[in-house]
Amino acid sequence: VQLVESGGGLVQPVGSLRLSCVASGFTFSLYPMTWYRQAPGKERALVERIDTTAGVTDYTDSVKGRFSISRDNAKNTVYLQMNNLKPEDTAVYYCSFRRWTDYWGQGTQVTVSS
């Protein structure tokens, strides 16, 4: 099983980024996928979750209207479109899924700063 995130970087406030997570080693289409983030000095927290049919099942209120999760089962990829970024969105972003245990990617750093 492998999850590889990409797309992070340094962006100014109100800017946008799109994160990608490419999955391999399991039947991607059968599992809900989740984006988490971990800010410096804080615990890892859920950002947004998508079910197998591309319905959003959970998200944190702070990203409502700004972030959008999507998936392409043909490409084994889950995305996180992040708009109107704020400094408090600065964190390492991880994709994850659960199959008896939780699997995580290595994370991608997002820094929002002017």
C-alpha atoms as a PDB file:
ATOM      1  CA  VAL A   1       0.000   0.000   0.000  1.00  0.00           C
ATOM      2  CA  GLN A   2       1.309   3.412  -0.911  1.00  0.00           C
ATOM      3  CA  LEU A   3      -0.104   6.922  -0.723  1.00  0.00           C
ATOM      4  CA  VAL A   4       1.918   9.728  -2.290  1.00  0.00           C
ATOM      5  CA  GLU A   5       0.877  13.329  -1.750  1.00  0.00           C
ATOM      6  CA  SER A   6       2.045  16.251  -3.851  1.00  0.00           C
ATOM      7  CA  GLY A   7       1.125  19.817  -4.667  1.00  0.00           C
ATOM      8  CA  GLY A   8       2.099  21.602  -1.499  1.00  0.00           C
ATOM      9  CA  GLY A   9       4.224  24.715  -1.352  1.00  0.00           C
ATOM     10  CA  LEU A  10       4.437  28.319  -0.291  1.00  0.00           C
ATOM     11  CA  VAL A  11       1.471  30.481  -1.213  1.00  0.00           C
ATOM     12  CA  GLN A  12       0.327  33.952  -0.260  1.00  0.00           C
ATOM     13  CA  PRO A  13      -2.915  34.516   1.661  1.00  0.00           C
ATOM     14  CA  VAL A  14      -6.054  34.250  -0.522  1.00  0.00           C
ATOM     15  CA  GLY A  15      -4.073  32.120  -2.951  1.00  0.00           C
ATOM     16  CA  SER A  16      -4.925  28.587  -4.095  1.00  0.00           C
ATOM     17  CA  LEU A  17      -3.308  25.181  -4.225  1.00  0.00           C
ATOM     18  CA  ARG A  18      -4.439  21.777  -5.375  1.00  0.00           C
ATOM     19  CA  LEU A  19      -3.099  18.768  -3.530  1.00  0.00           C
ATOM     20  CA  SER A  20      -3.030  15.318  -5.071  1.00  0.00           C
ATOM     21  CA  CYS A  21      -2.693  11.898  -3.496  1.00  0.00           C
ATOM     22  CA  VAL A  22      -1.940   8.951  -5.734  1.00  0.00           C
ATOM     23  CA  ALA A  23      -2.791   5.575  -4.251  1.00  0.00           C
ATOM     24  CA  SER A  24      -1.473   2.141  -5.099  1.00  0.00           C
ATOM     25  CA  GLY A  25      -1.467  -1.358  -3.672  1.00  0.00           C
ATOM     26  CA  PHE A  26      -5.177  -1.591  -2.917  1.00  0.00           C
ATOM     27  CA  THR A  27      -8.523  -1.227  -4.675  1.00  0.00           C
ATOM     28  CA  PHE A  28      -8.821   2.525  -4.405  1.00  0.00           C
ATOM     29  CA  SER A  29     -12.433   2.741  -5.561  1.00  0.00           C
ATOM     30  CA  LEU A  30     -13.663   0.673  -2.623  1.00  0.00           C
ATOM     31  CA  TYR A  31     -12.502   3.008   0.144  1.00  0.00           C
ATOM     32  CA  PRO A  32     -13.445   6.410   1.453  1.00  0.00           C
ATOM     33  CA  MET A  33     -10.466   8.742   1.453  1.00  0.00           C
ATOM     34  CA  THR A  34      -9.623  11.473   3.903  1.00  0.00           C
ATOM     35  CA  TRP A  35      -7.366  14.503   3.967  1.00  0.00           C
ATOM     36  CA  TYR A  36      -5.876  15.423   7.340  1.00  0.00           C
ATOM     37  CA  ARG A  37      -3.519  18.177   8.352  1.00  0.00           C
ATOM     38  CA  GLN A  38      -1.131  18.764  11.194  1.00  0.00           C
ATOM     39  CA  ALA A  39      -0.088  22.274  12.100  1.00  0.00           C
ATOM     40  CA  PRO A  40       3.059  22.950  14.147  1.00  0.00           C
ATOM     41  CA  GLY A  41       2.470  22.066  17.783  1.00  0.00           C
ATOM     42  CA  LYS A  42      -1.008  20.686  17.129  1.00  0.00           C
ATOM     43  CA  GLU A  43      -2.545  17.273  16.694  1.00  0.00           C
ATOM     44  CA  ARG A  44      -3.381  15.855  13.309  1.00  0.00           C
ATOM     45  CA  ALA A  45      -6.951  16.809  12.379  1.00  0.00           C
ATOM     46  CA  LEU A  46      -9.462  15.838   9.731  1.00  0.00           C
ATOM     47  CA  VAL A  47      -9.902  18.285   6.868  1.00  0.00           C
ATOM     48  CA  GLU A  48     -12.325  16.569   4.524  1.00  0.00           C
ATOM     49  CA  ARG A  49     -13.492  13.033   3.697  1.00  0.00           C
ATOM     50  CA  ILE A  50     -14.972  11.645   0.496  1.00  0.00           C
ATOM     51  CA  ASP A  51     -16.865   8.388   0.085  1.00  0.00           C
ATOM     52  CA  THR A  52     -16.507   5.860  -2.698  1.00  0.00           C
ATOM     53  CA  THR A  53     -19.098   7.555  -4.907  1.00  0.00           C
ATOM     54  CA  ALA A  54     -17.475  10.986  -4.554  1.00  0.00           C
ATOM     55  CA  GLY A  55     -19.866  12.289  -1.944  1.00  0.00           C
ATOM     56  CA  VAL A  56     -18.362  14.428   0.782  1.00  0.00           C
ATOM     57  CA  THR A  57     -19.100  12.819   4.112  1.00  0.00           C
ATOM     58  CA  ASP A  58     -17.208  14.957   6.570  1.00  0.00           C
ATOM     59  CA  TYR A  59     -15.256  18.172   6.801  1.00  0.00           C
ATOM     60  CA  THR A  60     -14.013  20.654   9.341  1.00  0.00           C
ATOM     61  CA  ASP A  61     -15.995  23.875   9.572  1.00  0.00           C
ATOM     62  CA  SER A  62     -12.972  26.092   9.058  1.00  0.00           C
ATOM     63  CA  VAL A  63     -12.599  24.965   5.430  1.00  0.00           C
ATOM     64  CA  LYS A  64     -16.271  25.137   4.441  1.00  0.00           C
ATOM     65  CA  GLY A  65     -16.687  27.063   1.214  1.00  0.00           C
ATOM     66  CA  ARG A  66     -12.932  27.229   0.623  1.00  0.00           C
ATOM     67  CA  PHE A  67     -11.713  23.630   0.229  1.00  0.00           C
ATOM     68  CA  SER A  68     -13.128  20.946  -2.013  1.00  0.00           C
ATOM     69  CA  ILE A  69     -12.264  17.255  -2.020  1.00  0.00           C
ATOM     70  CA  SER A  70     -12.702  15.114  -5.120  1.00  0.00           C
ATOM     71  CA  ARG A  71     -11.535  11.782  -6.476  1.00  0.00           C
ATOM     72  CA  ASP A  72     -10.806  10.118  -9.778  1.00  0.00           C
ATOM     73  CA  ASN A  73     -11.152   6.381  -9.343  1.00  0.00           C
ATOM     74  CA  ALA A  74      -9.740   5.754 -12.807  1.00  0.00           C
ATOM     75  CA  LYS A  75      -6.515   7.487 -11.758  1.00  0.00           C
ATOM     76  CA  ASN A  76      -6.463   6.195  -8.157  1.00  0.00           C
ATOM     77  CA  THR A  77      -6.169   9.799  -7.057  1.00  0.00           C
ATOM     78  CA  VAL A  78      -7.850  11.992  -4.476  1.00  0.00           C
ATOM     79  CA  TYR A  79      -7.551  15.763  -4.666  1.00  0.00           C
ATOM     80  CA  LEU A  80      -7.934  18.680  -2.309  1.00  0.00           C
ATOM     81  CA  GLN A  81      -8.607  22.003  -3.988  1.00  0.00           C
ATOM     82  CA  MET A  82      -7.798  24.783  -1.534  1.00  0.00           C
ATOM     83  CA  ASN A  83      -8.940  28.324  -2.290  1.00  0.00           C
ATOM     84  CA  ASN A  84      -8.779  31.545  -0.317  1.00  0.00           C
ATOM     85  CA  LEU A  85      -5.967  30.146   1.784  1.00  0.00           C
ATOM     86  CA  LYS A  86      -5.276  31.655   5.186  1.00  0.00           C
ATOM     87  CA  PRO A  87      -2.139  31.599   7.360  1.00  0.00           C
ATOM     88  CA  GLU A  88      -3.923  29.248   9.752  1.00  0.00           C
ATOM     89  CA  ASP A  89      -4.122  26.666   6.956  1.00  0.00           C
ATOM     90  CA  THR A  90      -0.361  26.226   7.233  1.00  0.00           C
ATOM     91  CA  ALA A  91       0.269  22.563   8.000  1.00  0.00           C
ATOM     92  CA  VAL A  92       1.498  19.295   6.659  1.00  0.00           C
ATOM     93  CA  TYR A  93      -1.345  17.702   4.711  1.00  0.00           C
ATOM     94  CA  TYR A  94      -1.806  13.927   4.613  1.00  0.00           C
ATOM     95  CA  CYS A  95      -4.148  11.636   2.765  1.00  0.00           C
ATOM     96  CA  SER A  96      -5.337   8.514   4.495  1.00  0.00           C
ATOM     97  CA  PHE A  97      -7.669   5.546   4.330  1.00  0.00           C
ATOM     98  CA  ARG A  98      -8.657   2.799   6.711  1.00  0.00           C
ATOM     99  CA  ARG A  99      -8.565  -0.912   6.011  1.00  0.00           C
ATOM    100  CA  TRP A 100      -8.329  -2.648   9.386  1.00  0.00           C
ATOM    101  CA  THR A 101      -5.683  -0.047  10.187  1.00  0.00           C
ATOM    102  CA  ASP A 102      -5.011   3.512   9.088  1.00  0.00           C
ATOM    103  CA  TYR A 103      -2.681   4.099   6.158  1.00  0.00           C
ATOM    104  CA  TRP A 104      -0.938   7.431   5.642  1.00  0.00           C
ATOM    105  CA  GLY A 105       1.116   9.136   3.032  1.00  0.00           C
ATOM    106  CA  GLN A 106       4.329  11.000   3.792  1.00  0.00           C
ATOM    107  CA  GLY A 107       2.571  14.362   3.747  1.00  0.00           C
ATOM    108  CA  THR A 108       3.026  17.557   1.790  1.00  0.00           C
ATOM    109  CA  GLN A 109       3.840  20.898   3.380  1.00  0.00           C
ATOM    110  CA  VAL A 110       1.522  23.833   2.789  1.00  0.00           C
ATOM    111  CA  THR A 111       2.724  27.233   3.977  1.00  0.00           C
ATOM    112  CA  VAL A 112       0.495  30.264   3.691  1.00  0.00           C
ATOM    113  CA  SER A 113       2.452  33.438   4.253  1.00  0.00           C
ATOM    114  CA  SER A 114       3.032  36.836   2.741  1.00  0.00           C
END
